[in-house]
Structures are given as structure tokens and as C-alpha cells.
């Protein structure tokens, strides 16, 4: 569909490149001149499609096309973002200091208690360590951080260099645990293990399953206890969810891993239900906990009024307590009643506006309902690390005619924004300035944001942020 390069490729080979080529998006020849490998663009054809034309989805979950300058994260990054919000743990990166820059240390995952997780730790491997091995340095680093901080656990992440030189991470962690008495947990997250950081999510979940979950007992067992899996308390999202369940009579034992502690995660196996928020990172963990501990799980979504309402009702219906169901309905009615007037004010300006989403795979379809409640239309959706099931979800949620894109490069994204001209782009910080320089308002919906978007009040925050971005006068001036 999108990238038909045969004609343009022939023109360039013939020395005739006066015409723009069609991406269903016109890309100027100057971009071709900067891009050395035309075949790299041709290879991208199958990674874009339009919903509704057929049942197809983009080709995905494959190595990025050489020369396309992908902005994907690595396996190590995928593992780190899942485990980092455990607040009372040390997260020690075994590798060069540059790898420690890929962290949650400066991101928006918040804590009601311990702030240890906000500190960055690295073994800072140098050339001599790479030549002679870094095991001794790792062992000494573990002993030092344990002496200084007395953490609930020490997660040790291996990086590409460690995988190449062959340091025995598990053996060092086992030896250090015996010496310190502290949990020392190896996370075999060498970045080169996969082109898709989702593999890192699974490795992080395996680390919790193998070394943490099921190793302690809770102080008490509540008959209606749940774990919220795949919720990382970015900007305090979790704090907009827990009070709702508490008003229903449900006990949130812990989130995995937002605002959690090692002890809470260790005793999560006694909860009666797992609800899964980020289904990209945590479906695997929920499935394994059901297999190992018999805890059933349901999928939830707290982005938008309708989805939050469904998520509350789903838990009440699972437990089947009539009094809980009644309280839940009263809670929903009360919460929505207080928000209707404010939402209608935002809708006056936002109705009919168009949206492009380029974010995590889960958010690329989970936000569809939220924008529908603001009468906004999604015209493009994509992600960098999507799997076939992720794109099927996107296709099932968006309207016919929506462009679906896998692993777009910066060049492609800029051209698509210029052609489709959405009224706002929803993405992370990496795409922020591409959007602003293209004259497109931007809303950060990634780990860097500082405003909570989950739950009922979170939706009002979200509507306000989107409204402010879209209605800022500078965009009217720039388009003139």
C-alpha cells in the first residue's frame, strides 16, 4: 500500500528524479538524496497498512530495516522498565556507564515510600575489565551497595558487553547473596538477545517469578485482594486507581511493579485475582502466575471513562458479591456525574479534531476509546515493537481508513505527519520535537510525563492536557 518505490527507483537510476514519489505521502527527492539505500525504503512497504481495506496487519516483529535509523530500545531496556519501579531495590547495571543512561531513574514512576530506586548504579566496565573479565568488579560492587543502602533486593542487569565477554552473572549473584544475606537477582538482559525489547519484559517477569514471587507470605489474606499487573505508577497513575477499588471493598495488595516493594511483590501469590493493565509487558507474568499459583487474571484499561468503568465492573463481577456490585454502581454513577460538565467544555473545542498515536503497543489501541469520548478521530496509529496480536488489537479498535505503521523511522514519521496533518500527536519524548518542528501539537504519553492519566480524574487531566496542546494559539499562527 504505502511505500511503492518501483517507479521512483527506476527514475533515480535513470538520473530523472524531478517528480516526488508517492508514499500515499509525497516525500521530496532531497530525502532520497540523503538516504543511500533505496532498497531499505522498498523493504518497508509491508510494514504499513490501512485498516478496513482487508484483514491484513503490518509486517512486524522483525529486524529493523538497515539504514532506517530505528529508535527502538533494546532487551536490557525492556527488562529495566519493568523492574525499576520496585522502590526499595537497588538496580545495578553490569556494563559500561553508557548503558546506565537507559533507566527509569529520571522518569515519572512515583513512590509513596522508599526512593532508593531513583538512584542509578553501574559497575562502569572499562577496557581492562572487558579484557580480563568483570566478575570481581561486579562482586565488589554488590557488596558495596548493600553496605551503603541495605536494600530489599539487588537486581543485577547484564548488558551486551557482559554477554560478549562471558561473565557468569548467576554465579556472582549467588556468591554475593551468600556473603550479604540480601537477595541478589540476576537479570540476563543482554541487549542483543532480540531486536524486540518485549523479550526484555519477559526476562524481567522471569526474574520475579524465579527469585521473588512466592518467597514471602502476606501479613494478612484479604478475601477480595487483587494485584494490578503492568501498572508502573507513571506520574502517579496508580493513585487514581487504588482508591476506586478500595471504595468498592477490594484490597489492592500491590501493583507489579509501580510503587511496590520487594516484600509486596514476594507475597503477591496469595492474592485472589490479577488485573492486567499494560498487556504488552505483563500478560506473560499473569499467565505464569495462574499456571504456578492458580490466580486467574482479567484484562483492564484505565484510560478513559468507559474503560475505567468496565474495569471496575469486571472486578466486582469476578468476586460476585452483591453488596460490592451495588457499591460499584453507586461509585461509577457518582464519579461520572461530577465530570460530565467539565468534559463537555473540552469537547466543544476538540470535537472533530484528528489524532496520530505513535507510542507503546498497548497505548496505541487502549487510547482509542478515550479519544472517542472527546469526539476526536484517530487517523494514524503505530508502535516500534508491536507483535501481530498488538496490531490486530489496533485494527479492531480504530476506524476504517486509519493508517497503521510499524517501526517508523524519524524520516517516515515526519513525512506522515506533514501529509496527514493530525491536530495532535500522542507519543513519547523521542518524537516530541519532530512533531513540534513539523507544526503539530504534541502530548507526551510515555514514561517521562508528569501528569496522571489513569482513572476518572486522570481522564480529566488527559482531556485538559490535550485541549491545552491543541488550542495553543501558536499553532494557528504557524499554519498561516
Protein backbone atom coordinates (compact mmCIF):
# COMPACT_ATOMS: atom_id res chain seq x y z
CA UNK A 1 0.00 0.00 0.00
CA UNK A 2 2.12 2.79 1.29
CA UNK A 3 5.67 2.62 0.05
CA UNK A 4 5.56 1.95 -3.69
CA UNK A 5 9.08 2.67 -4.81
CA UNK A 6 9.41 0.74 -8.05
CA UNK A 7 8.70 3.70 -10.33
CA UNK A 8 10.77 6.18 -8.35
CA UNK A 9 13.65 3.77 -8.05
CA UNK A 10 13.80 3.43 -11.81
CA UNK A 11 13.65 7.20 -12.21
CA UNK A 12 16.58 7.68 -9.91
CA UNK A 13 18.60 5.01 -11.68
CA UNK A 14 17.91 6.81 -14.96
CA UNK A 15 19.02 10.10 -13.46
CA UNK A 16 15.49 11.50 -13.62
CA UNK A 17 14.25 12.37 -10.17
CA UNK A 18 12.25 15.53 -10.85
CA UNK A 19 8.99 14.11 -9.55
CA UNK A 20 8.10 13.41 -5.93
CA UNK A 21 7.49 9.75 -5.20
CA UNK A 22 4.26 8.58 -3.65
CA UNK A 23 4.14 7.08 -0.19
CA UNK A 24 0.49 7.93 -0.41
CA UNK A 25 2.54 10.60 1.21
CA UNK A 26 4.76 12.73 -1.03
CA UNK A 27 8.40 12.53 0.01
CA UNK A 28 10.70 15.10 -1.61
CA UNK A 29 13.68 13.94 -3.59
CA UNK A 30 16.06 15.66 -1.17
CA UNK A 31 15.29 12.90 1.31
CA UNK A 32 16.20 10.26 -1.27
CA UNK A 33 19.46 12.04 -1.87
CA UNK A 34 20.29 11.81 1.84
CA UNK A 35 19.20 8.19 2.05
CA UNK A 36 21.80 5.99 0.39
CA UNK A 37 19.86 2.73 0.34
CA UNK A 38 16.70 2.96 -1.75
CA UNK A 39 16.15 -0.74 -1.20
CA UNK A 40 15.78 -0.02 2.52
CA UNK A 41 12.68 2.05 1.76
CA UNK A 42 11.31 -0.55 -0.61
CA UNK A 43 11.64 -3.16 2.11
CA UNK A 44 9.31 -1.09 4.32
CA UNK A 45 6.22 -1.45 2.12
CA UNK A 46 4.70 -4.30 4.09
CA UNK A 47 5.13 -2.56 7.44
CA UNK A 48 2.31 -0.12 6.78
CA UNK A 49 -1.33 -0.76 6.04
CA UNK A 50 -4.74 0.91 6.17
CA UNK A 51 -7.42 -0.56 8.42
CA UNK A 52 -10.63 -1.74 6.84
CA UNK A 53 -9.36 -2.40 3.34
CA UNK A 54 -8.79 -6.05 4.22
CA UNK A 55 -7.92 -8.14 7.24
CA UNK A 56 -4.20 -7.58 6.91
CA UNK A 57 -1.90 -6.13 9.53
CA UNK A 58 1.58 -4.64 9.05
CA UNK A 59 4.53 -6.98 8.84
CA UNK A 60 6.09 -6.67 12.27
CA UNK A 61 8.23 -8.25 14.98
CA UNK A 62 11.24 -8.36 12.69
CA UNK A 63 14.70 -6.82 12.49
CA UNK A 64 14.60 -3.12 11.62
CA UNK A 65 15.44 -2.34 8.02
CA UNK A 66 19.14 -1.38 7.76
CA UNK A 67 19.59 2.33 7.17
CA UNK A 68 16.20 3.36 8.55
CA UNK A 69 17.65 4.69 11.83
CA UNK A 70 15.14 2.99 14.10
CA UNK A 71 14.58 4.38 17.60
CA UNK A 72 13.86 1.03 19.22
CA UNK A 73 15.04 0.24 22.71
CA UNK A 74 16.96 -2.95 23.49
CA UNK A 75 16.25 -6.08 25.53
CA UNK A 76 18.07 -4.61 28.52
CA UNK A 77 15.87 -1.51 28.32
CA UNK A 78 12.76 -3.71 28.17
CA UNK A 79 13.78 -5.56 31.33
CA UNK A 80 14.76 -2.41 33.17
CA UNK A 81 11.46 -0.56 32.69
CA UNK A 82 9.50 -3.47 34.16
CA UNK A 83 11.62 -3.92 37.32
CA UNK A 84 12.84 -0.40 38.01
CA UNK A 85 9.71 0.90 39.82
CA UNK A 86 10.29 -1.56 42.72
CA UNK A 87 11.05 1.23 45.14
CA UNK A 88 13.27 -0.35 47.82
CA UNK A 89 15.59 -2.23 45.46
CA UNK A 90 19.00 -1.40 44.05
CA UNK A 91 19.09 -1.69 40.27
CA UNK A 92 22.72 -2.36 39.34
CA UNK A 93 23.75 -2.26 35.70
CA UNK A 94 26.69 -4.53 34.93
CA UNK A 95 28.21 -2.91 31.89
CA UNK A 96 29.70 0.34 30.52
CA UNK A 97 28.41 3.52 32.10
CA UNK A 98 26.51 4.43 28.93
CA UNK A 99 24.06 1.58 29.46
CA UNK A 100 23.06 3.07 32.82
CA UNK A 101 21.62 6.03 30.92
CA UNK A 102 18.78 3.78 29.75
CA UNK A 103 16.90 3.84 33.05
CA UNK A 104 13.83 4.92 34.93
CA UNK A 105 15.99 6.98 37.27
CA UNK A 106 14.81 10.30 35.81
CA UNK A 107 11.36 9.14 34.69
CA UNK A 108 7.98 9.68 36.23
CA UNK A 109 7.35 6.48 38.20
CA UNK A 110 6.39 7.72 41.68
CA UNK A 111 6.62 6.27 45.18
CA UNK A 112 4.73 6.77 48.44
CA UNK A 113 7.70 5.48 50.42
CA UNK A 114 11.24 4.46 49.58
CA UNK A 115 13.12 6.44 46.91
CA UNK A 116 16.08 4.08 46.57
CA UNK A 117 15.03 3.10 43.05
CA UNK A 118 15.67 6.68 41.94
CA UNK A 119 19.42 6.16 42.40
CA UNK A 120 21.44 4.86 39.46
CA UNK A 121 24.12 2.19 39.93
CA UNK A 122 26.63 0.81 37.43
CA UNK A 123 29.78 -1.29 37.54
CA UNK A 124 31.18 1.09 34.91
CA UNK A 125 33.15 -1.53 32.97
CA UNK A 126 36.36 -0.20 31.42
CA UNK A 127 38.62 -1.66 28.72
CA UNK A 128 40.72 -3.63 31.22
CA UNK A 129 37.53 -5.19 32.66
CA UNK A 130 36.45 -6.25 29.21
CA UNK A 131 39.86 -7.85 28.58
CA UNK A 132 40.28 -9.56 31.96
CA UNK A 133 36.61 -10.02 32.92
CA UNK A 134 34.29 -8.02 35.14
CA UNK A 135 33.17 -10.63 37.70
CA UNK A 136 35.41 -9.37 40.52
CA UNK A 137 34.28 -5.79 39.96
CA UNK A 138 30.65 -6.88 39.98
CA UNK A 139 31.05 -8.83 43.22
CA UNK A 140 32.73 -5.89 44.95
CA UNK A 141 30.06 -3.50 43.66
CA UNK A 142 27.26 -5.66 45.08
CA UNK A 143 28.94 -5.79 48.48
CA UNK A 144 29.44 -2.03 48.47
CA UNK A 145 25.87 -1.04 47.56
CA UNK A 146 24.49 -3.49 50.10
CA UNK A 147 26.68 -1.98 52.83
CA UNK A 148 25.66 1.57 51.92
CA UNK A 149 21.91 1.14 51.32
CA UNK A 150 20.69 -2.17 52.85
CA UNK A 151 18.16 -2.67 50.03
CA UNK A 152 15.26 -5.10 49.90
CA UNK A 153 16.94 -6.69 46.89
CA UNK A 154 19.66 -6.03 44.34
CA UNK A 155 18.70 -6.60 40.70
CA UNK A 156 21.79 -7.04 38.51
CA UNK A 157 21.29 -6.41 34.78
CA UNK A 158 23.67 -7.83 32.21
CA UNK A 159 24.34 -5.78 29.09
CA UNK A 160 25.70 -6.59 25.64
CA UNK A 161 29.34 -6.31 26.71
CA UNK A 162 28.79 -8.73 29.58
CA UNK A 163 27.22 -11.25 27.24
CA UNK A 164 30.17 -10.99 24.87
CA UNK A 165 32.93 -11.39 27.47
CA UNK A 166 31.09 -14.22 29.21
CA UNK A 167 30.86 -13.08 32.84
CA UNK A 168 28.95 -15.67 34.89
CA UNK A 169 26.26 -13.37 36.26
CA UNK A 170 24.31 -16.05 38.11
CA UNK A 171 27.37 -17.42 39.90
CA UNK A 172 28.49 -13.96 41.07
CA UNK A 173 24.98 -13.08 42.27
CA UNK A 174 24.69 -16.38 44.16
CA UNK A 175 28.08 -15.83 45.83
CA UNK A 176 27.23 -12.22 46.72
CA UNK A 177 23.87 -13.23 48.18
CA UNK A 178 25.58 -15.73 50.48
CA UNK A 179 28.02 -13.05 51.60
CA UNK A 180 25.46 -10.28 52.18
CA UNK A 181 22.25 -12.09 53.14
CA UNK A 182 20.43 -9.79 50.69
CA UNK A 183 18.52 -11.03 47.66
CA UNK A 184 20.79 -10.62 44.64
CA UNK A 185 18.83 -11.30 41.48
CA UNK A 186 20.46 -11.81 38.07
CA UNK A 187 18.60 -10.43 35.06
CA UNK A 188 20.14 -11.92 31.91
CA UNK A 189 19.17 -8.99 29.72
CA UNK A 190 21.94 -8.68 27.13
CA UNK A 191 20.64 -6.11 24.68
CA UNK A 192 21.46 -8.14 21.57
CA UNK A 193 19.28 -11.09 22.58
CA UNK A 194 16.44 -9.82 20.39
CA UNK A 195 15.56 -6.93 18.09
CA UNK A 196 12.37 -6.51 20.12
CA UNK A 197 12.55 -5.13 23.66
CA UNK A 198 9.48 -7.23 24.52
CA UNK A 199 11.92 -10.07 25.13
CA UNK A 200 13.27 -7.94 27.96
CA UNK A 201 9.80 -7.68 29.50
CA UNK A 202 9.65 -11.47 29.61
CA UNK A 203 13.13 -11.74 31.15
CA UNK A 204 12.10 -9.30 33.88
CA UNK A 205 8.95 -11.29 34.58
CA UNK A 206 11.02 -14.49 34.76
CA UNK A 207 13.35 -12.85 37.28
CA UNK A 208 10.38 -12.03 39.52
CA UNK A 209 8.88 -15.50 39.11
CA UNK A 210 12.16 -17.30 39.79
CA UNK A 211 13.55 -15.20 42.63
CA UNK A 212 10.83 -13.05 44.22
CA UNK A 213 7.15 -14.00 43.84
CA UNK A 214 6.11 -16.72 46.26
CA UNK A 215 9.08 -16.33 48.62
CA UNK A 216 7.20 -14.50 51.42
CA UNK A 217 3.75 -14.64 52.95
CA UNK A 218 1.49 -11.57 53.29
CA UNK A 219 0.72 -10.17 56.74
CA UNK A 220 -2.95 -10.97 56.15
CA UNK A 221 -5.06 -12.50 53.40
CA UNK A 222 -8.00 -10.42 52.27
CA UNK A 223 -10.95 -12.26 50.68
CA UNK A 224 -11.09 -9.67 47.88
CA UNK A 225 -7.40 -8.97 47.25
CA UNK A 226 -6.01 -8.18 43.82
CA UNK A 227 -2.68 -7.38 42.16
CA UNK A 228 -2.55 -4.73 39.44
CA UNK A 229 -0.02 -6.10 36.96
CA UNK A 230 1.62 -3.92 34.33
CA UNK A 231 0.94 -0.67 36.20
CA UNK A 232 4.11 1.35 36.80
CA UNK A 233 2.65 4.40 38.58
CA UNK A 234 3.91 6.81 35.96
CA UNK A 235 3.12 10.33 37.22
CA UNK A 236 1.03 8.73 39.97
CA UNK A 237 -1.40 6.82 37.71
CA UNK A 238 -1.78 4.10 40.33
CA UNK A 239 -3.06 6.58 42.90
CA UNK A 240 -6.07 7.28 40.71
CA UNK A 241 -6.93 3.57 40.60
CA UNK A 242 -6.41 2.18 44.12
CA UNK A 243 -8.98 4.47 45.85
CA UNK A 244 -11.67 3.36 43.43
CA UNK A 245 -11.18 -0.30 44.29
CA UNK A 246 -10.95 0.45 47.99
CA UNK A 247 -14.34 2.19 47.84
CA UNK A 248 -15.70 -0.98 46.24
CA UNK A 249 -14.35 -3.09 49.11
CA UNK A 250 -11.43 -4.55 47.15
CA UNK A 251 -7.94 -4.70 48.63
CA UNK A 252 -5.10 -3.86 46.21
CA UNK A 253 -2.25 -5.97 47.58
CA UNK A 254 0.35 -4.47 45.25
CA UNK A 255 0.99 -3.23 41.77
CA UNK A 256 3.66 -5.00 39.79
CA UNK A 257 5.70 -3.01 39.76
CA UNK A 258 4.58 0.60 40.33
CA UNK A 259 5.11 1.91 43.87
CA UNK A 260 5.82 -1.65 45.03
CA UNK A 261 8.33 -3.12 47.47
CA UNK A 262 10.23 -6.38 47.30
CA UNK A 263 8.15 -7.82 50.17
CA UNK A 264 4.85 -6.91 48.50
CA UNK A 265 5.89 -8.49 45.21
CA UNK A 266 7.21 -11.55 47.08
CA UNK A 267 3.81 -12.14 48.69
CA UNK A 268 1.69 -11.37 45.61
CA UNK A 269 0.99 -15.08 45.05
CA UNK A 270 -1.72 -15.05 47.76
CA UNK A 271 -3.97 -12.53 46.01
CA UNK A 272 -7.24 -13.78 44.60
CA UNK A 273 -7.09 -12.03 41.22
CA UNK A 274 -4.61 -10.37 38.89
CA UNK A 275 -5.82 -7.49 36.74
CA UNK A 276 -3.54 -6.67 33.81
CA UNK A 277 -3.16 -3.06 32.73
CA UNK A 278 -0.17 -2.96 30.34
CA UNK A 279 -0.95 -6.06 28.34
CA UNK A 280 2.21 -5.67 26.29
CA UNK A 281 4.61 -6.11 29.20
CA UNK A 282 2.67 -8.26 31.64
CA UNK A 283 0.30 -10.76 30.01
CA UNK A 284 3.09 -13.31 30.30
CA UNK A 285 3.50 -12.73 34.04
CA UNK A 286 -0.23 -13.07 34.65
CA UNK A 287 -0.34 -16.31 32.66
CA UNK A 288 2.59 -17.78 34.58
CA UNK A 289 1.12 -16.81 37.95
CA UNK A 290 -2.12 -18.51 37.01
CA UNK A 291 -0.21 -21.62 35.97
CA UNK A 292 2.02 -21.66 39.06
CA UNK A 293 -0.30 -20.32 41.77
CA UNK A 294 -3.79 -20.69 40.30
CA UNK A 295 -4.52 -16.94 40.31
CA UNK A 296 -6.94 -16.04 37.50
CA UNK A 297 -6.48 -12.80 35.59
CA UNK A 298 -8.60 -10.33 33.65
CA UNK A 299 -7.51 -7.56 31.30
CA UNK A 300 -8.34 -3.98 32.22
CA UNK A 301 -7.83 -0.49 30.84
CA UNK A 302 -7.94 2.68 32.94
CA UNK A 303 -7.55 5.19 30.09
CA UNK A 304 -10.95 6.82 29.59
CA UNK A 305 -14.27 6.87 31.42
CA UNK A 306 -15.86 3.89 29.67
CA UNK A 307 -12.78 1.70 30.01
CA UNK A 308 -12.33 2.60 33.68
CA UNK A 309 -15.99 1.79 34.32
CA UNK A 310 -15.65 -1.58 32.59
CA UNK A 311 -12.52 -2.34 34.63
CA UNK A 312 -14.27 -1.65 37.93
CA UNK A 313 -17.32 -3.70 36.98
CA UNK A 314 -15.19 -6.60 35.78
CA UNK A 315 -13.60 -6.99 39.20
CA UNK A 316 -16.92 -6.70 41.03
CA UNK A 317 -18.47 -9.30 38.74
CA UNK A 318 -15.50 -11.61 39.22
CA UNK A 319 -15.97 -11.69 43.00
CA UNK A 320 -19.75 -11.87 42.60
CA UNK A 321 -20.52 -10.13 45.89
CA UNK A 322 -23.90 -8.42 45.61
CA UNK A 323 -23.02 -5.68 48.06
CA UNK A 324 -19.78 -4.99 46.17
CA UNK A 325 -21.63 -4.83 42.85
CA UNK A 326 -24.09 -2.35 44.34
CA UNK A 327 -21.31 -0.16 45.77
CA UNK A 328 -19.51 -0.29 42.43
CA UNK A 329 -22.52 1.01 40.51
CA UNK A 330 -23.03 3.81 43.02
CA UNK A 331 -19.37 4.73 42.79
CA UNK A 332 -19.43 4.83 38.99
CA UNK A 333 -22.56 6.98 38.95
CA UNK A 334 -21.08 9.41 41.46
CA UNK A 335 -17.72 9.71 39.71
CA UNK A 336 -19.09 10.27 36.21
CA UNK A 337 -21.75 12.73 37.38
CA UNK A 338 -19.06 15.03 38.73
CA UNK A 339 -17.12 15.00 35.46
CA UNK A 340 -19.73 15.46 32.74
CA UNK A 341 -19.80 19.25 32.71
CA UNK A 342 -16.04 19.57 32.56
CA UNK A 343 -15.77 17.03 29.75
CA UNK A 344 -18.41 18.81 27.70
CA UNK A 345 -16.40 22.03 27.88
CA UNK A 346 -13.34 20.34 26.40
CA UNK A 347 -15.41 18.57 23.75
CA UNK A 348 -16.65 21.90 22.37
CA UNK A 349 -13.16 22.64 21.08
CA UNK A 350 -11.88 19.10 20.48
CA UNK A 351 -14.82 17.56 18.63
CA UNK A 352 -13.83 16.54 15.11
CA UNK A 353 -10.11 17.01 15.70
CA UNK A 354 -7.75 14.32 14.41
CA UNK A 355 -5.15 12.30 16.33
CA UNK A 356 -2.00 10.37 15.45
CA UNK A 357 -0.64 7.90 18.02
CA UNK A 358 2.91 6.59 17.98
CA UNK A 359 3.58 5.06 21.35
CA UNK A 360 3.82 1.74 23.19
CA UNK A 361 1.86 -1.10 21.63
CA UNK A 362 -0.72 -1.20 24.43
CA UNK A 363 -1.40 2.54 24.35
CA UNK A 364 -1.71 2.51 20.56
CA UNK A 365 -5.10 0.86 20.90
CA UNK A 366 -6.01 1.45 24.56
CA UNK A 367 -6.44 5.19 23.94
CA UNK A 368 -8.99 4.78 21.14
CA UNK A 369 -11.97 4.79 23.50
CA UNK A 370 -10.65 7.80 25.44
CA UNK A 371 -10.38 9.88 22.28
CA UNK A 372 -13.83 8.72 21.21
CA UNK A 373 -15.21 10.22 24.41
CA UNK A 374 -13.74 13.56 23.34
CA UNK A 375 -15.26 13.14 19.84
CA UNK A 376 -11.77 13.05 18.33
CA UNK A 377 -10.81 10.82 15.39
CA UNK A 378 -7.68 8.67 15.25
CA UNK A 379 -6.24 8.73 11.74
CA UNK A 380 -2.85 7.08 12.39
CA UNK A 381 -1.58 4.60 14.97
CA UNK A 382 1.70 2.80 15.29
CA UNK A 383 4.42 1.48 17.54
CA UNK A 384 8.05 0.41 17.41
CA UNK A 385 7.91 -3.05 18.96
CA UNK A 386 4.48 -4.38 18.06
CA UNK A 387 3.70 -8.05 17.62
CA UNK A 388 0.91 -9.42 15.38
CA UNK A 389 -1.55 -9.56 18.29
CA UNK A 390 -0.85 -5.90 19.07
CA UNK A 391 -1.66 -4.80 15.54
CA UNK A 392 -4.77 -6.94 15.49
CA UNK A 393 -5.92 -5.06 18.59
CA UNK A 394 -5.19 -1.73 16.90
CA UNK A 395 -7.04 -2.79 13.75
CA UNK A 396 -10.04 -3.97 15.79
CA UNK A 397 -10.29 -0.70 17.72
CA UNK A 398 -9.63 2.00 15.12
CA UNK A 399 -11.99 3.16 12.37
CA UNK A 400 -11.74 2.19 8.73
CA UNK A 401 -9.13 4.19 6.88
CA UNK A 402 -6.72 4.55 9.79
CA UNK A 403 -3.06 4.23 8.81
CA UNK A 404 -1.23 1.60 10.89
CA UNK A 405 2.58 1.81 10.99
CA UNK A 406 5.24 -0.49 12.42
CA UNK A 407 8.73 0.70 13.47
CA UNK A 408 8.66 4.03 11.64
CA UNK A 409 11.91 5.95 11.35
CA UNK A 410 12.13 9.64 12.16
CA UNK A 411 12.11 10.49 8.45
CA UNK A 412 8.98 8.47 7.81
CA UNK A 413 7.20 9.88 10.83
CA UNK A 414 7.90 13.46 9.82
CA UNK A 415 6.62 12.86 6.30
CA UNK A 416 3.49 11.11 7.56
CA UNK A 417 2.75 13.98 9.93
CA UNK A 418 3.17 16.51 7.13
CA UNK A 419 0.86 14.55 4.84
CA UNK A 420 -1.86 13.57 7.32
CA UNK A 421 -1.67 16.80 9.34
CA UNK A 422 -3.22 15.48 12.57
CA UNK A 423 -4.31 18.05 15.14
CA UNK A 424 -2.13 16.33 17.75
CA UNK A 425 0.48 13.57 18.05
CA UNK A 426 0.41 11.30 21.10
CA UNK A 427 3.82 9.74 21.67
CA UNK A 428 6.89 9.75 23.87
CA UNK A 429 9.72 12.22 24.28
CA UNK A 430 11.69 10.85 21.31
CA UNK A 431 9.04 12.07 18.87
CA UNK A 432 8.18 15.29 20.69
CA UNK A 433 10.43 17.69 18.83
CA UNK A 434 9.85 16.04 15.46
CA UNK A 435 6.19 16.81 16.00
CA UNK A 436 6.65 20.38 17.23
CA UNK A 437 9.06 21.26 14.42
CA UNK A 438 6.51 19.91 11.95
CA UNK A 439 3.89 22.29 13.36
CA UNK A 440 1.92 19.51 15.06
CA UNK A 441 0.86 19.83 18.75
CA UNK A 442 2.22 17.07 20.97
CA UNK A 443 1.11 15.19 24.09
CA UNK A 444 3.64 13.03 25.97
CA UNK A 445 2.02 9.75 26.99
CA UNK A 446 5.19 7.89 27.83
CA UNK A 447 7.22 7.31 30.99
CA UNK A 448 8.52 10.88 31.04
CA UNK A 449 5.18 12.59 31.65
CA UNK A 450 4.39 14.34 34.91
CA UNK A 451 0.57 14.24 34.83
CA UNK A 452 -1.50 11.20 35.84
CA UNK A 453 -3.87 9.99 33.11
CA UNK A 454 -5.45 6.85 34.64
CA UNK A 455 -8.91 6.57 36.17
CA UNK A 456 -11.73 9.10 36.19
CA UNK A 457 -9.76 12.11 37.39
CA UNK A 458 -6.87 11.05 35.20
CA UNK A 459 -9.13 11.30 32.17
CA UNK A 460 -9.95 14.90 33.05
CA UNK A 461 -6.22 15.58 33.34
CA UNK A 462 -5.71 13.95 29.96
CA UNK A 463 -8.50 15.97 28.33
CA UNK A 464 -7.07 19.18 29.77
CA UNK A 465 -3.53 18.42 28.51
CA UNK A 466 -4.80 17.53 25.02
CA UNK A 467 -7.04 20.62 24.95
CA UNK A 468 -4.17 22.89 26.01
CA UNK A 469 -1.85 21.43 23.38
CA UNK A 470 -4.36 21.66 20.53
CA UNK A 471 -5.72 25.11 21.39
CA UNK A 472 -2.41 26.87 22.00
CA UNK A 473 -2.52 29.93 19.66
CA UNK A 474 0.98 29.34 18.26
CA UNK A 475 -0.29 26.51 16.06
CA UNK A 476 -2.83 28.76 14.34
CA UNK A 477 -0.10 31.28 13.69
CA UNK A 478 2.40 28.70 12.42
CA UNK A 479 -0.08 27.23 9.95
CA UNK A 480 -0.72 30.65 8.48
